[in-house]
Amino acid sequence: MHPKGGFTEESKPGIWREISVCGDVYTLRETRS
């Protein structure tokens, strides 16, 4: 997850993403498994 506003005291949580074996970025699966 990359925080909104960067890595500062004022930052807010961003959107969680999932990383694949090849390093691609995906939206989250319906369930983790």
ModelCIF file with pLDDT and N, C-alpha, C, O atoms, coordinates in Angstrom:
data_MODEL
#
_entry.id   MODEL 
#
_entity.id                         1 
_entity.type                       polymer 
_entity.pdbx_number_of_molecules   1 
#
_entity_poly.entity_id                      1 
_entity_poly.type                           'polypeptide(L)' 
_entity_poly.nstd_linkage                   no 
_entity_poly.nstd_monomer                   no 
_entity_poly.pdbx_seq_one_letter_code       MHPKGGFTEESKPGIWREISVCGDVYTLRETRS 
_entity_poly.pdbx_seq_one_letter_code_can   MHPKGGFTEESKPGIWREISVCGDVYTLRETRS 
_entity_poly.pdbx_strand_id                 A 
#
loop_
_entity_poly_seq.entity_id 
_entity_poly_seq.num 
_entity_poly_seq.mon_id 
_entity_poly_seq.hetero 
1 1  MET n 
1 2  HIS n 
1 3  PRO n 
1 4  LYS n 
1 5  GLY n 
1 6  GLY n 
1 7  PHE n 
1 8  THR n 
1 9  GLU n 
1 10 GLU n 
1 11 SER n 
1 12 LYS n 
1 13 PRO n 
1 14 GLY n 
1 15 ILE n 
1 16 TRP n 
1 17 ARG n 
1 18 GLU n 
1 19 ILE n 
1 20 SER n 
1 21 VAL n 
1 22 CYS n 
1 23 GLY n 
1 24 ASP n 
1 25 VAL n 
1 26 TYR n 
1 27 THR n 
1 28 LEU n 
1 29 ARG n 
1 30 GLU n 
1 31 THR n 
1 32 ARG n 
1 33 SER n 
#
_struct_asym.id          A 
_struct_asym.entity_id   1 
#
loop_
_ma_qa_metric.id 
_ma_qa_metric.mode 
_ma_qa_metric.name 
_ma_qa_metric.software_group_id 
_ma_qa_metric.type 
1 global pLDDT . pLDDT 
2 local  pLDDT . pLDDT 
#
_ma_qa_metric_global.metric_id      1 
_ma_qa_metric_global.metric_value   90.85 
_ma_qa_metric_global.model_id       1 
_ma_qa_metric_global.ordinal_id     1 
#
loop_
_ma_qa_metric_local.label_asym_id 
_ma_qa_metric_local.label_comp_id 
_ma_qa_metric_local.label_seq_id 
_ma_qa_metric_local.metric_id 
_ma_qa_metric_local.metric_value 
_ma_qa_metric_local.model_id 
_ma_qa_metric_local.ordinal_id 
A MET 1  2 91.00 1 1  
A HIS 2  2 89.00 1 2  
A PRO 3  2 92.00 1 3  
A LYS 4  2 92.00 1 4  
A GLY 5  2 89.00 1 5  
A GLY 6  2 86.00 1 6  
A PHE 7  2 87.00 1 7  
A THR 8  2 90.00 1 8  
A GLU 9  2 90.00 1 9  
A GLU 10 2 91.00 1 10 
A SER 11 2 92.00 1 11 
A LYS 12 2 94.00 1 12 
A PRO 13 2 93.00 1 13 
A GLY 14 2 93.00 1 14 
A ILE 15 2 94.00 1 15 
A TRP 16 2 94.00 1 16 
A ARG 17 2 95.00 1 17 
A GLU 18 2 93.00 1 18 
A ILE 19 2 92.00 1 19 
A SER 20 2 91.00 1 20 
A VAL 21 2 89.00 1 21 
A CYS 22 2 88.00 1 22 
A GLY 23 2 89.00 1 23 
A ASP 24 2 92.00 1 24 
A VAL 25 2 94.00 1 25 
A TYR 26 2 96.00 1 26 
A THR 27 2 96.00 1 27 
A LEU 28 2 95.00 1 28 
A ARG 29 2 93.00 1 29 
A GLU 30 2 91.00 1 30 
A THR 31 2 87.00 1 31 
A ARG 32 2 80.00 1 32 
A SER 33 2 80.00 1 33 
#
loop_
_atom_site.group_PDB 
_atom_site.id 
_atom_site.type_symbol 
_atom_site.label_atom_id 
_atom_site.label_alt_id 
_atom_site.label_comp_id 
_atom_site.label_asym_id 
_atom_site.label_entity_id 
_atom_site.label_seq_id 
_atom_site.pdbx_PDB_ins_code 
_atom_site.Cartn_x 
_atom_site.Cartn_y 
_atom_site.Cartn_z 
_atom_site.occupancy 
_atom_site.B_iso_or_equiv 
_atom_site.pdbx_formal_charge 
_atom_site.auth_seq_id 
_atom_site.auth_comp_id 
_atom_site.auth_asym_id 
_atom_site.auth_atom_id 
_atom_site.pdbx_PDB_model_num 
ATOM 1   N N  . MET A 1 1  ? 0.863   -1.177  0.000   1.00 91.00 ? 1  MET A N  1 
ATOM 2   C CA . MET A 1 1  ? 0.000   0.000   0.000   1.00 91.00 ? 1  MET A CA 1 
ATOM 3   C C  . MET A 1 1  ? 0.893   1.219   0.000   1.00 91.00 ? 1  MET A C  1 
ATOM 4   O O  . MET A 1 1  ? 1.803   1.328   0.823   1.00 91.00 ? 1  MET A O  1 
ATOM 5   N N  . HIS A 1 2  ? 0.640   2.139   -0.922  1.00 89.00 ? 2  HIS A N  1 
ATOM 6   C CA . HIS A 1 2  ? 1.372   3.394   -0.966  1.00 89.00 ? 2  HIS A CA 1 
ATOM 7   C C  . HIS A 1 2  ? 0.484   4.459   -0.359  1.00 89.00 ? 2  HIS A C  1 
ATOM 8   O O  . HIS A 1 2  ? -0.607  4.715   -0.868  1.00 89.00 ? 2  HIS A O  1 
ATOM 9   N N  . PRO A 1 3  ? 0.932   5.091   0.727   1.00 92.00 ? 3  PRO A N  1 
ATOM 10  C CA . PRO A 1 3  ? 0.075   6.080   1.388   1.00 92.00 ? 3  PRO A CA 1 
ATOM 11  C C  . PRO A 1 3  ? -0.179  7.308   0.517   1.00 92.00 ? 3  PRO A C  1 
ATOM 12  O O  . PRO A 1 3  ? 0.691   7.745   -0.237  1.00 92.00 ? 3  PRO A O  1 
ATOM 13  N N  . LYS A 1 4  ? -1.396  7.856   0.638   1.00 92.00 ? 4  LYS A N  1 
ATOM 14  C CA . LYS A 1 4  ? -1.729  9.103   -0.063  1.00 92.00 ? 4  LYS A CA 1 
ATOM 15  C C  . LYS A 1 4  ? -0.948  10.226  0.604   1.00 92.00 ? 4  LYS A C  1 
ATOM 16  O O  . LYS A 1 4  ? -0.934  10.328  1.831   1.00 92.00 ? 4  LYS A O  1 
ATOM 17  N N  . GLY A 1 5  ? -0.305  11.062  -0.186  1.00 89.00 ? 5  GLY A N  1 
ATOM 18  C CA . GLY A 1 5  ? 0.487   12.146  0.364   1.00 89.00 ? 5  GLY A CA 1 
ATOM 19  C C  . GLY A 1 5  ? 1.912   11.741  0.662   1.00 89.00 ? 5  GLY A C  1 
ATOM 20  O O  . GLY A 1 5  ? 2.646   12.490  1.306   1.00 89.00 ? 5  GLY A O  1 
ATOM 21  N N  . GLY A 1 6  ? 2.323   10.556  0.200   1.00 86.00 ? 6  GLY A N  1 
ATOM 22  C CA . GLY A 1 6  ? 3.699   10.113  0.426   1.00 86.00 ? 6  GLY A CA 1 
ATOM 23  C C  . GLY A 1 6  ? 3.921   9.636   1.846   1.00 86.00 ? 6  GLY A C  1 
ATOM 24  O O  . GLY A 1 6  ? 2.971   9.344   2.571   1.00 86.00 ? 6  GLY A O  1 
ATOM 25  N N  . PHE A 1 7  ? 5.161   9.560   2.231   1.00 87.00 ? 7  PHE A N  1 
ATOM 26  C CA . PHE A 1 7  ? 5.525   9.063   3.552   1.00 87.00 ? 7  PHE A CA 1 
ATOM 27  C C  . PHE A 1 7  ? 5.807   10.234  4.485   1.00 87.00 ? 7  PHE A C  1 
ATOM 28  O O  . PHE A 1 7  ? 6.962   10.564  4.757   1.00 87.00 ? 7  PHE A O  1 
ATOM 29  N N  . THR A 1 8  ? 4.740   10.855  4.969   1.00 90.00 ? 8  THR A N  1 
ATOM 30  C CA . THR A 1 8  ? 4.850   11.988  5.885   1.00 90.00 ? 8  THR A CA 1 
ATOM 31  C C  . THR A 1 8  ? 3.900   11.765  7.056   1.00 90.00 ? 8  THR A C  1 
ATOM 32  O O  . THR A 1 8  ? 3.103   10.827  7.049   1.00 90.00 ? 8  THR A O  1 
ATOM 33  N N  . GLU A 1 9  ? 3.989   12.629  8.057   1.00 90.00 ? 9  GLU A N  1 
ATOM 34  C CA . GLU A 1 9  ? 3.092   12.516  9.206   1.00 90.00 ? 9  GLU A CA 1 
ATOM 35  C C  . GLU A 1 9  ? 1.644   12.776  8.819   1.00 90.00 ? 9  GLU A C  1 
ATOM 36  O O  . GLU A 1 9  ? 0.729   12.295  9.487   1.00 90.00 ? 9  GLU A O  1 
ATOM 37  N N  . GLU A 1 10 ? 1.426   13.539  7.739   1.00 91.00 ? 10 GLU A N  1 
ATOM 38  C CA . GLU A 1 10 ? 0.069   13.883  7.302   1.00 91.00 ? 10 GLU A CA 1 
ATOM 39  C C  . GLU A 1 10 ? -0.509  12.870  6.315   1.00 91.00 ? 10 GLU A C  1 
ATOM 40  O O  . GLU A 1 10 ? -1.653  13.021  5.887   1.00 91.00 ? 10 GLU A O  1 
ATOM 41  N N  . SER A 1 11 ? 0.250   11.847  5.949   1.00 92.00 ? 11 SER A N  1 
ATOM 42  C CA . SER A 1 11 ? -0.219  10.903  4.931   1.00 92.00 ? 11 SER A CA 1 
ATOM 43  C C  . SER A 1 11 ? -1.415  10.106  5.433   1.00 92.00 ? 11 SER A C  1 
ATOM 44  O O  . SER A 1 11 ? -1.589  9.904   6.635   1.00 92.00 ? 11 SER A O  1 
ATOM 45  N N  . LYS A 1 12 ? -2.232  9.660   4.492   1.00 94.00 ? 12 LYS A N  1 
ATOM 46  C CA . LYS A 1 12 ? -3.419  8.844   4.752   1.00 94.00 ? 12 LYS A CA 1 
ATOM 47  C C  . LYS A 1 12 ? -3.236  7.495   4.075   1.00 94.00 ? 12 LYS A C  1 
ATOM 48  O O  . LYS A 1 12 ? -2.470  7.379   3.118   1.00 94.00 ? 12 LYS A O  1 
ATOM 49  N N  . PRO A 1 13 ? -3.942  6.464   4.571   1.00 93.00 ? 13 PRO A N  1 
ATOM 50  C CA . PRO A 1 13 ? -3.816  5.153   3.920   1.00 93.00 ? 13 PRO A CA 1 
ATOM 51  C C  . PRO A 1 13 ? -4.234  5.205   2.454   1.00 93.00 ? 13 PRO A C  1 
ATOM 52  O O  . PRO A 1 13 ? -5.175  5.909   2.086   1.00 93.00 ? 13 PRO A O  1 
ATOM 53  N N  . GLY A 1 14 ? -3.525  4.455   1.634   1.00 93.00 ? 14 GLY A N  1 
ATOM 54  C CA . GLY A 1 14 ? -3.856  4.349   0.219   1.00 93.00 ? 14 GLY A CA 1 
ATOM 55  C C  . GLY A 1 14 ? -4.611  3.065   -0.049  1.00 93.00 ? 14 GLY A C  1 
ATOM 56  O O  . GLY A 1 14 ? -5.185  2.474   0.865   1.00 93.00 ? 14 GLY A O  1 
ATOM 57  N N  . ILE A 1 15 ? -4.612  2.635   -1.286  1.00 94.00 ? 15 ILE A N  1 
ATOM 58  C CA . ILE A 1 15 ? -5.327  1.416   -1.706  1.00 94.00 ? 15 ILE A CA 1 
ATOM 59  C C  . ILE A 1 15 ? -4.362  0.240   -1.659  1.00 94.00 ? 15 ILE A C  1 
ATOM 60  O O  . ILE A 1 15 ? -3.237  0.333   -2.149  1.00 94.00 ? 15 ILE A O  1 
ATOM 61  N N  . TRP A 1 16 ? -4.803  -0.861  -1.072  1.00 94.00 ? 16 TRP A N  1 
ATOM 62  C CA . TRP A 1 16 ? -3.990  -2.073  -1.038  1.00 94.00 ? 16 TRP A CA 1 
ATOM 63  C C  . TRP A 1 16 ? -3.976  -2.732  -2.411  1.00 94.00 ? 16 TRP A C  1 
ATOM 64  O O  . TRP A 1 16 ? -5.000  -2.787  -3.092  1.00 94.00 ? 16 TRP A O  1 
ATOM 65  N N  . ARG A 1 17 ? -2.824  -3.227  -2.807  1.00 95.00 ? 17 ARG A N  1 
ATOM 66  C CA . ARG A 1 17 ? -2.629  -3.944  -4.073  1.00 95.00 ? 17 ARG A CA 1 
ATOM 67  C C  . ARG A 1 17 ? -1.876  -5.240  -3.787  1.00 95.00 ? 17 ARG A C  1 
ATOM 68  O O  . ARG A 1 17 ? -1.256  -5.395  -2.735  1.00 95.00 ? 17 ARG A O  1 
ATOM 69  N N  . GLU A 1 18 ? -1.941  -6.170  -4.747  1.00 93.00 ? 18 GLU A N  1 
ATOM 70  C CA . GLU A 1 18 ? -1.244  -7.450  -4.607  1.00 93.00 ? 18 GLU A CA 1 
ATOM 71  C C  . GLU A 1 18 ? -0.168  -7.575  -5.674  1.00 93.00 ? 18 GLU A C  1 
ATOM 72  O O  . GLU A 1 18 ? -0.375  -7.187  -6.824  1.00 93.00 ? 18 GLU A O  1 
ATOM 73  N N  . ILE A 1 19 ? 0.977   -8.116  -5.289  1.00 92.00 ? 19 ILE A N  1 
ATOM 74  C CA . ILE A 1 19 ? 2.126   -8.265  -6.178  1.00 92.00 ? 19 ILE A CA 1 
ATOM 75  C C  . ILE A 1 19 ? 2.224   -9.718  -6.639  1.00 92.00 ? 19 ILE A C  1 
ATOM 76  O O  . ILE A 1 19 ? 2.060   -10.647 -5.849  1.00 92.00 ? 19 ILE A O  1 
ATOM 77  N N  . SER A 1 20 ? 2.495   -9.896  -7.941  1.00 91.00 ? 20 SER A N  1 
ATOM 78  C CA . SER A 1 20 ? 2.635   -11.252 -8.492  1.00 91.00 ? 20 SER A CA 1 
ATOM 79  C C  . SER A 1 20 ? 4.100   -11.676 -8.495  1.00 91.00 ? 20 SER A C  1 
ATOM 80  O O  . SER A 1 20 ? 4.995   -10.884 -8.200  1.00 91.00 ? 20 SER A O  1 
ATOM 81  N N  . VAL A 1 21 ? 4.320   -12.938 -8.835  1.00 89.00 ? 21 VAL A N  1 
ATOM 82  C CA . VAL A 1 21 ? 5.665   -13.491 -8.936  1.00 89.00 ? 21 VAL A CA 1 
ATOM 83  C C  . VAL A 1 21 ? 6.530   -12.655 -9.882  1.00 89.00 ? 21 VAL A C  1 
ATOM 84  O O  . VAL A 1 21 ? 7.703   -12.412 -9.598  1.00 89.00 ? 21 VAL A O  1 
ATOM 85  N N  . CYS A 1 22 ? 5.958   -12.218 -10.999 1.00 88.00 ? 22 CYS A N  1 
ATOM 86  C CA . CYS A 1 22 ? 6.708   -11.434 -11.991 1.00 88.00 ? 22 CYS A CA 1 
ATOM 87  C C  . CYS A 1 22 ? 6.797   -9.953  -11.629 1.00 88.00 ? 22 CYS A C  1 
ATOM 88  O O  . CYS A 1 22 ? 7.374   -9.168  -12.381 1.00 88.00 ? 22 CYS A O  1 
ATOM 89  N N  . GLY A 1 23 ? 6.229   -9.562  -10.481 1.00 89.00 ? 23 GLY A N  1 
ATOM 90  C CA . GLY A 1 23 ? 6.301   -8.178  -10.041 1.00 89.00 ? 23 GLY A CA 1 
ATOM 91  C C  . GLY A 1 23 ? 5.181   -7.302  -10.561 1.00 89.00 ? 23 GLY A C  1 
ATOM 92  O O  . GLY A 1 23 ? 5.224   -6.084  -10.388 1.00 89.00 ? 23 GLY A O  1 
ATOM 93  N N  . ASP A 1 24 ? 4.160   -7.902  -11.207 1.00 92.00 ? 24 ASP A N  1 
ATOM 94  C CA . ASP A 1 24 ? 3.015   -7.117  -11.671 1.00 92.00 ? 24 ASP A CA 1 
ATOM 95  C C  . ASP A 1 24 ? 2.124   -6.764  -10.477 1.00 92.00 ? 24 ASP A C  1 
ATOM 96  O O  . ASP A 1 24 ? 2.145   -7.441  -9.449  1.00 92.00 ? 24 ASP A O  1 
ATOM 97  N N  . VAL A 1 25 ? 1.345   -5.697  -10.631 1.00 94.00 ? 25 VAL A N  1 
ATOM 98  C CA . VAL A 1 25 ? 0.489   -5.205  -9.550  1.00 94.00 ? 25 VAL A CA 1 
ATOM 99  C C  . VAL A 1 25 ? -0.971  -5.440  -9.922  1.00 94.00 ? 25 VAL A C  1 
ATOM 100 O O  . VAL A 1 25 ? -1.392  -5.101  -11.028 1.00 94.00 ? 25 VAL A O  1 
ATOM 101 N N  . TYR A 1 26 ? -1.746  -6.021  -9.003  1.00 96.00 ? 26 TYR A N  1 
ATOM 102 C CA . TYR A 1 26 ? -3.146  -6.371  -9.221  1.00 96.00 ? 26 TYR A CA 1 
ATOM 103 C C  . TYR A 1 26 ? -4.015  -5.791  -8.113  1.00 96.00 ? 26 TYR A C  1 
ATOM 104 O O  . TYR A 1 26 ? -3.541  -5.526  -7.009  1.00 96.00 ? 26 TYR A O  1 
ATOM 105 N N  . THR A 1 27 ? -5.315  -5.595  -8.430  1.00 96.00 ? 27 THR A N  1 
ATOM 106 C CA . THR A 1 27 ? -6.275  -5.283  -7.374  1.00 96.00 ? 27 THR A CA 1 
ATOM 107 C C  . THR A 1 27 ? -6.377  -6.523  -6.491  1.00 96.00 ? 27 THR A C  1 
ATOM 108 O O  . THR A 1 27 ? -5.970  -7.610  -6.899  1.00 96.00 ? 27 THR A O  1 
ATOM 109 N N  . LEU A 1 28 ? -6.916  -6.366  -5.286  1.00 95.00 ? 28 LEU A N  1 
ATOM 110 C CA . LEU A 1 28 ? -7.013  -7.495  -4.371  1.00 95.00 ? 28 LEU A CA 1 
ATOM 111 C C  . LEU A 1 28 ? -7.979  -8.550  -4.883  1.00 95.00 ? 28 LEU A C  1 
ATOM 112 O O  . LEU A 1 28 ? -8.961  -8.237  -5.557  1.00 95.00 ? 28 LEU A O  1 
ATOM 113 N N  . ARG A 1 29 ? -7.687  -9.804  -4.554  1.00 93.00 ? 29 ARG A N  1 
ATOM 114 C CA . ARG A 1 29 ? -8.596  -10.908 -4.865  1.00 93.00 ? 29 ARG A CA 1 
ATOM 115 C C  . ARG A 1 29 ? -9.803  -10.839 -3.943  1.00 93.00 ? 29 ARG A C  1 
ATOM 116 O O  . ARG A 1 29 ? -9.792  -10.125 -2.940  1.00 93.00 ? 29 ARG A O  1 
ATOM 117 N N  . GLU A 1 30 ? -10.843 -11.585 -4.291  1.00 91.00 ? 30 GLU A N  1 
ATOM 118 C CA . GLU A 1 30 ? -12.059 -11.612 -3.462  1.00 91.00 ? 30 GLU A CA 1 
ATOM 119 C C  . GLU A 1 30 ? -11.731 -12.063 -2.041  1.00 91.00 ? 30 GLU A C  1 
ATOM 120 O O  . GLU A 1 30 ? -12.216 -11.480 -1.071  1.00 91.00 ? 30 GLU A O  1 
ATOM 121 N N  . THR A 1 31 ? -10.909 -13.098 -1.925  1.00 87.00 ? 31 THR A N  1 
ATOM 122 C CA . THR A 1 31 ? -10.357 -13.514 -0.633  1.00 87.00 ? 31 THR A CA 1 
ATOM 123 C C  . THR A 1 31 ? -8.861  -13.687 -0.840  1.00 87.00 ? 31 THR A C  1 
ATOM 124 O O  . THR A 1 31 ? -8.404  -13.855 -1.970  1.00 87.00 ? 31 THR A O  1 
ATOM 125 N N  . ARG A 1 32 ? -8.106  -13.647 0.231   1.00 80.00 ? 32 ARG A N  1 
ATOM 126 C CA . ARG A 1 32 ? -6.644  -13.691 0.086   1.00 80.00 ? 32 ARG A CA 1 
ATOM 127 C C  . ARG A 1 32 ? -6.137  -14.958 -0.581  1.00 80.00 ? 32 ARG A C  1 
ATOM 128 O O  . ARG A 1 32 ? -5.089  -14.934 -1.227  1.00 80.00 ? 32 ARG A O  1 
ATOM 129 N N  . SER A 1 33 ? -6.858  -16.065 -0.438  1.00 80.00 ? 33 SER A N  1 
ATOM 130 C CA . SER A 1 33 ? -6.378  -17.318 -1.015  1.00 80.00 ? 33 SER A CA 1 
ATOM 131 C C  . SER A 1 33 ? -7.163  -17.741 -2.261  1.00 80.00 ? 33 SER A C  1 
ATOM 132 O O  . SER A 1 33 ? -6.869  -18.779 -2.854  1.00 80.00 ? 33 SER A O  1 
#
